[in-house]
Amino acid sequence: MWFGIGLLVGALLAGGTAATVGVLIQALLPVWPRVVLATGVAVAVAARELRLVSFPIPENRRLVPETVLRRGPIAGAFQFGTEMGTGMRTYSPSALPHLMLVMIVLVLPFGWGMAAAIGFAVGRWVTALAASRFPAGPTAWAARWARYSRLVVGMLAVVVAGFVATALLEAVS
């Protein structure tokens, strides 16, 4: 429970910061340059997710240190969740959260940015919960994930593409 609350707090901190910056950028820049830039990023990320191109994404290539977990079951779980929720503390297997961050800054209204942050936290929580409660254990979960990850990421890319298209249409209307 505390891990999930931490995820939500971290995601809302990151999403709120991006949404606040987005309010400023959206007020200063005309809509068309923002939409063109957002569309270019969306196309590049989609190509990366479909493995048509390869390029690195910003990520902190290390795990959350074990010392966090030694802080106790509540404080440790909350801090671990908060750090994971920001999306800036660990590995990033997909560029979709980066795309969402760009959309929050360039085209999404503040409330949509906060909704995206909540969705990010829920997605991370569900994944962690599924892995920890998988009947055959976390190792079997990892093997199953390896088998189906491309399908799942593809489905997520379609969902994010729909979200992005909706945001872009809203921005130009």
C-alpha atoms as a PDB file:
ATOM      1  CA  MET A   1       0.000   0.000   0.000  1.00  0.00           C
ATOM      2  CA  TRP A   2       2.746   2.502   0.957  1.00  0.00           C
ATOM      3  CA  PHE A   3       4.659   1.689  -2.220  1.00  0.00           C
ATOM      4  CA  GLY A   4       1.537   2.536  -4.260  1.00  0.00           C
ATOM      5  CA  ILE A   5       0.967   5.776  -2.363  1.00  0.00           C
ATOM      6  CA  GLY A   6       4.618   6.679  -2.938  1.00  0.00           C
ATOM      7  CA  LEU A   7       4.226   5.944  -6.660  1.00  0.00           C
ATOM      8  CA  LEU A   8       1.272   8.306  -6.792  1.00  0.00           C
ATOM      9  CA  VAL A   9       3.097  11.055  -4.881  1.00  0.00           C
ATOM     10  CA  GLY A  10       6.191  10.750  -7.104  1.00  0.00           C
ATOM     11  CA  ALA A  11       4.172  10.724 -10.307  1.00  0.00           C
ATOM     12  CA  LEU A  12       2.118  13.718  -9.219  1.00  0.00           C
ATOM     13  CA  LEU A  13       5.302  15.616  -8.333  1.00  0.00           C
ATOM     14  CA  ALA A  14       6.850  14.914 -11.736  1.00  0.00           C
ATOM     15  CA  GLY A  15       3.585  15.386 -13.633  1.00  0.00           C
ATOM     16  CA  GLY A  16       2.712  18.550 -11.701  1.00  0.00           C
ATOM     17  CA  THR A  17       6.116  20.033 -12.411  1.00  0.00           C
ATOM     18  CA  ALA A  18       5.843  19.179 -16.113  1.00  0.00           C
ATOM     19  CA  ALA A  19       2.266  20.504 -16.261  1.00  0.00           C
ATOM     20  CA  THR A  20       3.315  23.765 -14.589  1.00  0.00           C
ATOM     21  CA  VAL A  21       6.185  24.206 -17.051  1.00  0.00           C
ATOM     22  CA  GLY A  22       3.710  23.290 -19.788  1.00  0.00           C
ATOM     23  CA  VAL A  23       1.319  26.055 -18.760  1.00  0.00           C
ATOM     24  CA  LEU A  24       4.131  28.563 -19.247  1.00  0.00           C
ATOM     25  CA  ILE A  25       5.367  27.124 -22.546  1.00  0.00           C
ATOM     26  CA  GLN A  26       1.845  26.809 -23.924  1.00  0.00           C
ATOM     27  CA  ALA A  27       1.154  30.435 -23.007  1.00  0.00           C
ATOM     28  CA  LEU A  28       4.336  31.674 -24.696  1.00  0.00           C
ATOM     29  CA  LEU A  29       4.522  29.572 -27.878  1.00  0.00           C
ATOM     30  CA  PRO A  30       1.885  29.444 -30.622  1.00  0.00           C
ATOM     31  CA  VAL A  31      -0.006  26.178 -31.012  1.00  0.00           C
ATOM     32  CA  TRP A  32       1.319  25.093 -34.439  1.00  0.00           C
ATOM     33  CA  PRO A  33       5.029  24.907 -33.565  1.00  0.00           C
ATOM     34  CA  ARG A  34       4.134  22.984 -30.410  1.00  0.00           C
ATOM     35  CA  VAL A  35       1.927  20.555 -32.349  1.00  0.00           C
ATOM     36  CA  VAL A  36       4.583  20.013 -35.038  1.00  0.00           C
ATOM     37  CA  LEU A  37       7.254  19.323 -32.402  1.00  0.00           C
ATOM     38  CA  ALA A  38       4.933  17.036 -30.412  1.00  0.00           C
ATOM     39  CA  THR A  39       4.007  15.124 -33.560  1.00  0.00           C
ATOM     40  CA  GLY A  40       7.671  14.684 -34.499  1.00  0.00           C
ATOM     41  CA  VAL A  41       8.473  13.314 -31.054  1.00  0.00           C
ATOM     42  CA  ALA A  42       5.439  10.996 -31.214  1.00  0.00           C
ATOM     43  CA  VAL A  43       6.535   9.589 -34.590  1.00  0.00           C
ATOM     44  CA  ALA A  44      10.102   9.043 -33.350  1.00  0.00           C
ATOM     45  CA  VAL A  45       8.929   7.301 -30.176  1.00  0.00           C
ATOM     46  CA  ALA A  46       6.472   5.124 -32.096  1.00  0.00           C
ATOM     47  CA  ALA A  47       9.266   4.075 -34.465  1.00  0.00           C
ATOM     48  CA  ARG A  48      11.486   3.266 -31.470  1.00  0.00           C
ATOM     49  CA  GLU A  49       8.770   1.250 -29.719  1.00  0.00           C
ATOM     50  CA  LEU A  50       8.141  -0.729 -32.906  1.00  0.00           C
ATOM     51  CA  ARG A  51      11.918  -1.313 -33.135  1.00  0.00           C
ATOM     52  CA  LEU A  52      12.192   0.401 -36.500  1.00  0.00           C
ATOM     53  CA  VAL A  53      14.877   2.716 -35.134  1.00  0.00           C
ATOM     54  CA  SER A  54      17.096   2.650 -32.101  1.00  0.00           C
ATOM     55  CA  PHE A  55      18.147   5.612 -29.997  1.00  0.00           C
ATOM     56  CA  PRO A  56      18.851   6.049 -26.297  1.00  0.00           C
ATOM     57  CA  ILE A  57      16.357   7.717 -23.998  1.00  0.00           C
ATOM     58  CA  PRO A  58      17.098   9.687 -20.847  1.00  0.00           C
ATOM     59  CA  GLU A  59      17.141   7.332 -17.891  1.00  0.00           C
ATOM     60  CA  ASN A  60      18.931   6.823 -14.629  1.00  0.00           C
ATOM     61  CA  ARG A  61      20.617   3.489 -15.350  1.00  0.00           C
ATOM     62  CA  ARG A  62      20.645   2.147 -11.822  1.00  0.00           C
ATOM     63  CA  LEU A  63      18.263   0.596  -9.387  1.00  0.00           C
ATOM     64  CA  VAL A  64      16.900   2.250  -6.278  1.00  0.00           C
ATOM     65  CA  PRO A  65      19.485   1.409  -3.587  1.00  0.00           C
ATOM     66  CA  GLU A  66      18.726  -1.308  -1.054  1.00  0.00           C
ATOM     67  CA  THR A  67      19.373   1.163   1.765  1.00  0.00           C
ATOM     68  CA  VAL A  68      15.948   2.662   1.000  1.00  0.00           C
ATOM     69  CA  LEU A  69      14.287  -0.612   1.956  1.00  0.00           C
ATOM     70  CA  ARG A  70      16.131  -0.677   5.296  1.00  0.00           C
ATOM     71  CA  ARG A  71      14.204   2.367   6.463  1.00  0.00           C
ATOM     72  CA  GLY A  72      11.341   0.149   7.527  1.00  0.00           C
ATOM     73  CA  PRO A  73       8.259  -1.278   5.893  1.00  0.00           C
ATOM     74  CA  ILE A  74       6.375   2.012   5.707  1.00  0.00           C
ATOM     75  CA  ALA A  75       9.060   4.658   5.169  1.00  0.00           C
ATOM     76  CA  GLY A  76      11.138   2.429   2.888  1.00  0.00           C
ATOM     77  CA  ALA A  77       8.182   1.376   0.749  1.00  0.00           C
ATOM     78  CA  PHE A  78       6.937   4.959   0.513  1.00  0.00           C
ATOM     79  CA  GLN A  79      10.363   6.346  -0.479  1.00  0.00           C
ATOM     80  CA  PHE A  80      10.931   3.526  -2.973  1.00  0.00           C
ATOM     81  CA  GLY A  81       7.508   4.180  -4.505  1.00  0.00           C
ATOM     82  CA  THR A  82       8.080   7.929  -4.627  1.00  0.00           C
ATOM     83  CA  GLU A  83      11.419   7.516  -6.398  1.00  0.00           C
ATOM     84  CA  MET A  84       9.920   5.033  -8.871  1.00  0.00           C
ATOM     85  CA  GLY A  85       6.884   7.270  -9.367  1.00  0.00           C
ATOM     86  CA  THR A  86       8.963  10.193 -10.552  1.00  0.00           C
ATOM     87  CA  GLY A  87      10.192   7.982 -13.404  1.00  0.00           C
ATOM     88  CA  MET A  88      13.641   9.487 -12.948  1.00  0.00           C
ATOM     89  CA  ARG A  89      15.308   7.100 -10.541  1.00  0.00           C
ATOM     90  CA  THR A  90      15.649   3.821 -12.402  1.00  0.00           C
ATOM     91  CA  TYR A  91      15.776   2.068 -15.757  1.00  0.00           C
ATOM     92  CA  SER A  92      13.186   2.942 -18.378  1.00  0.00           C
ATOM     93  CA  PRO A  93      12.272   0.046 -20.683  1.00  0.00           C
ATOM     94  CA  SER A  94      10.085   2.217 -22.895  1.00  0.00           C
ATOM     95  CA  ALA A  95      10.079   5.736 -24.296  1.00  0.00           C
ATOM     96  CA  LEU A  96       6.304   6.063 -23.872  1.00  0.00           C
ATOM     97  CA  PRO A  97       6.574   7.882 -20.505  1.00  0.00           C
ATOM     98  CA  HIS A  98       9.018  10.301 -22.149  1.00  0.00           C
ATOM     99  CA  LEU A  99       6.502  10.925 -24.913  1.00  0.00           C
ATOM    100  CA  MET A 100       3.811  11.591 -22.340  1.00  0.00           C
ATOM    101  CA  LEU A 101       6.090  14.070 -20.591  1.00  0.00           C
ATOM    102  CA  VAL A 102       6.636  15.921 -23.878  1.00  0.00           C
ATOM    103  CA  MET A 103       2.874  15.978 -24.479  1.00  0.00           C
ATOM    104  CA  ILE A 104       2.243  17.340 -20.974  1.00  0.00           C
ATOM    105  CA  VAL A 105       4.712  20.164 -21.581  1.00  0.00           C
ATOM    106  CA  LEU A 106       3.728  21.018 -25.161  1.00  0.00           C
ATOM    107  CA  VAL A 107       0.015  20.408 -25.647  1.00  0.00           C
ATOM    108  CA  LEU A 108      -1.926  18.962 -22.737  1.00  0.00           C
ATOM    109  CA  PRO A 109      -4.039  21.120 -20.465  1.00  0.00           C
ATOM    110  CA  PHE A 110      -2.928  21.023 -16.811  1.00  0.00           C
ATOM    111  CA  GLY A 111      -5.649  18.554 -15.743  1.00  0.00           C
ATOM    112  CA  TRP A 112      -4.788  16.088 -18.495  1.00  0.00           C
ATOM    113  CA  GLY A 113      -1.169  16.206 -17.376  1.00  0.00           C
ATOM    114  CA  MET A 114      -2.202  15.272 -13.873  1.00  0.00           C
ATOM    115  CA  ALA A 115      -4.387  12.449 -15.236  1.00  0.00           C
ATOM    116  CA  ALA A 116      -1.400  11.129 -17.198  1.00  0.00           C
ATOM    117  CA  ALA A 117       0.691  11.190 -14.006  1.00  0.00           C
ATOM    118  CA  ILE A 118      -1.949   9.179 -12.170  1.00  0.00           C
ATOM    119  CA  GLY A 119      -2.065   6.686 -15.057  1.00  0.00           C
ATOM    120  CA  PHE A 120       1.722   6.305 -14.912  1.00  0.00           C
ATOM    121  CA  ALA A 121       1.595   5.584 -11.168  1.00  0.00           C
ATOM    122  CA  VAL A 122      -1.227   3.085 -11.533  1.00  0.00           C
ATOM    123  CA  GLY A 123       0.573   1.313 -14.386  1.00  0.00           C
ATOM    124  CA  ARG A 124       3.761   0.932 -12.360  1.00  0.00           C
ATOM    125  CA  TRP A 125       1.811  -0.228  -9.315  1.00  0.00           C
ATOM    126  CA  VAL A 126      -0.188  -2.844 -11.241  1.00  0.00           C
ATOM    127  CA  THR A 127       2.994  -4.205 -12.820  1.00  0.00           C
ATOM    128  CA  ALA A 128       4.764  -4.499  -9.462  1.00  0.00           C
ATOM    129  CA  LEU A 129       1.687  -6.055  -7.852  1.00  0.00           C
ATOM    130  CA  ALA A 130       1.279  -8.567 -10.666  1.00  0.00           C
ATOM    131  CA  ALA A 131       4.934  -9.601 -10.455  1.00  0.00           C
ATOM    132  CA  SER A 132       4.880  -9.980  -6.676  1.00  0.00           C
ATOM    133  CA  ARG A 133       1.640 -11.982  -6.649  1.00  0.00           C
ATOM    134  CA  PHE A 134       2.308 -14.155  -9.685  1.00  0.00           C
ATOM    135  CA  PRO A 135       1.566 -17.735  -8.547  1.00  0.00           C
ATOM    136  CA  ALA A 136       4.756 -19.192 -10.008  1.00  0.00           C
ATOM    137  CA  GLY A 137       6.936 -16.422  -8.508  1.00  0.00           C
ATOM    138  CA  PRO A 138       8.761 -13.337  -9.784  1.00  0.00           C
ATOM    139  CA  THR A 139      11.188 -15.310 -11.951  1.00  0.00           C
ATOM    140  CA  ALA A 140       8.304 -16.927 -13.827  1.00  0.00           C
ATOM    141  CA  TRP A 141       6.682 -13.499 -14.119  1.00  0.00           C
ATOM    142  CA  ALA A 142       9.853 -12.126 -15.722  1.00  0.00           C
ATOM    143  CA  ALA A 143       9.913 -15.002 -18.197  1.00  0.00           C
ATOM    144  CA  ARG A 144       6.270 -14.452 -19.093  1.00  0.00           C
ATOM    145  CA  TRP A 145       6.889 -10.714 -19.449  1.00  0.00           C
ATOM    146  CA  ALA A 146       9.815 -11.392 -21.788  1.00  0.00           C
ATOM    147  CA  ARG A 147       7.524 -13.529 -23.940  1.00  0.00           C
ATOM    148  CA  TYR A 148       4.676 -11.011 -24.174  1.00  0.00           C
ATOM    149  CA  SER A 149       6.372  -7.643 -23.654  1.00  0.00           C
ATOM    150  CA  ARG A 150       6.442  -6.682 -27.319  1.00  0.00           C
ATOM    151  CA  LEU A 151       2.680  -7.290 -27.598  1.00  0.00           C
ATOM    152  CA  VAL A 152       1.961  -5.337 -24.416  1.00  0.00           C
ATOM    153  CA  VAL A 153       4.233  -2.450 -25.409  1.00  0.00           C
ATOM    154  CA  GLY A 154       2.600  -2.412 -28.840  1.00  0.00           C
ATOM    155  CA  MET A 155      -0.849  -2.193 -27.256  1.00  0.00           C
ATOM    156  CA  LEU A 156       0.361   0.572 -24.931  1.00  0.00           C
ATOM    157  CA  ALA A 157       1.818   2.416 -27.912  1.00  0.00           C
ATOM    158  CA  VAL A 158      -1.595   2.306 -29.613  1.00  0.00           C
ATOM    159  CA  VAL A 159      -3.297   3.624 -26.463  1.00  0.00           C
ATOM    160  CA  VAL A 160      -0.714   6.389 -26.064  1.00  0.00           C
ATOM    161  CA  ALA A 161      -1.009   7.231 -29.783  1.00  0.00           C
ATOM    162  CA  GLY A 162      -4.765   7.655 -29.321  1.00  0.00           C
ATOM    163  CA  PHE A 163      -4.166   9.823 -26.290  1.00  0.00           C
ATOM    164  CA  VAL A 164      -1.606  11.889 -28.195  1.00  0.00           C
ATOM    165  CA  ALA A 165      -3.888  12.281 -31.224  1.00  0.00           C
ATOM    166  CA  THR A 166      -6.715  13.431 -28.963  1.00  0.00           C
ATOM    167  CA  ALA A 167      -4.410  15.899 -27.221  1.00  0.00           C
ATOM    168  CA  LEU A 168      -3.144  17.257 -30.521  1.00  0.00           C
ATOM    169  CA  LEU A 169      -6.674  17.664 -31.882  1.00  0.00           C
ATOM    170  CA  GLU A 170      -7.677  19.431 -28.687  1.00  0.00           C
ATOM    171  CA  ALA A 171      -4.646  21.722 -28.924  1.00  0.00           C
ATOM    172  CA  VAL A 172      -5.465  22.870 -32.455  1.00  0.00           C
ATOM    173  CA  SER A 173      -9.211  23.324 -31.898  1.00  0.00           C
END
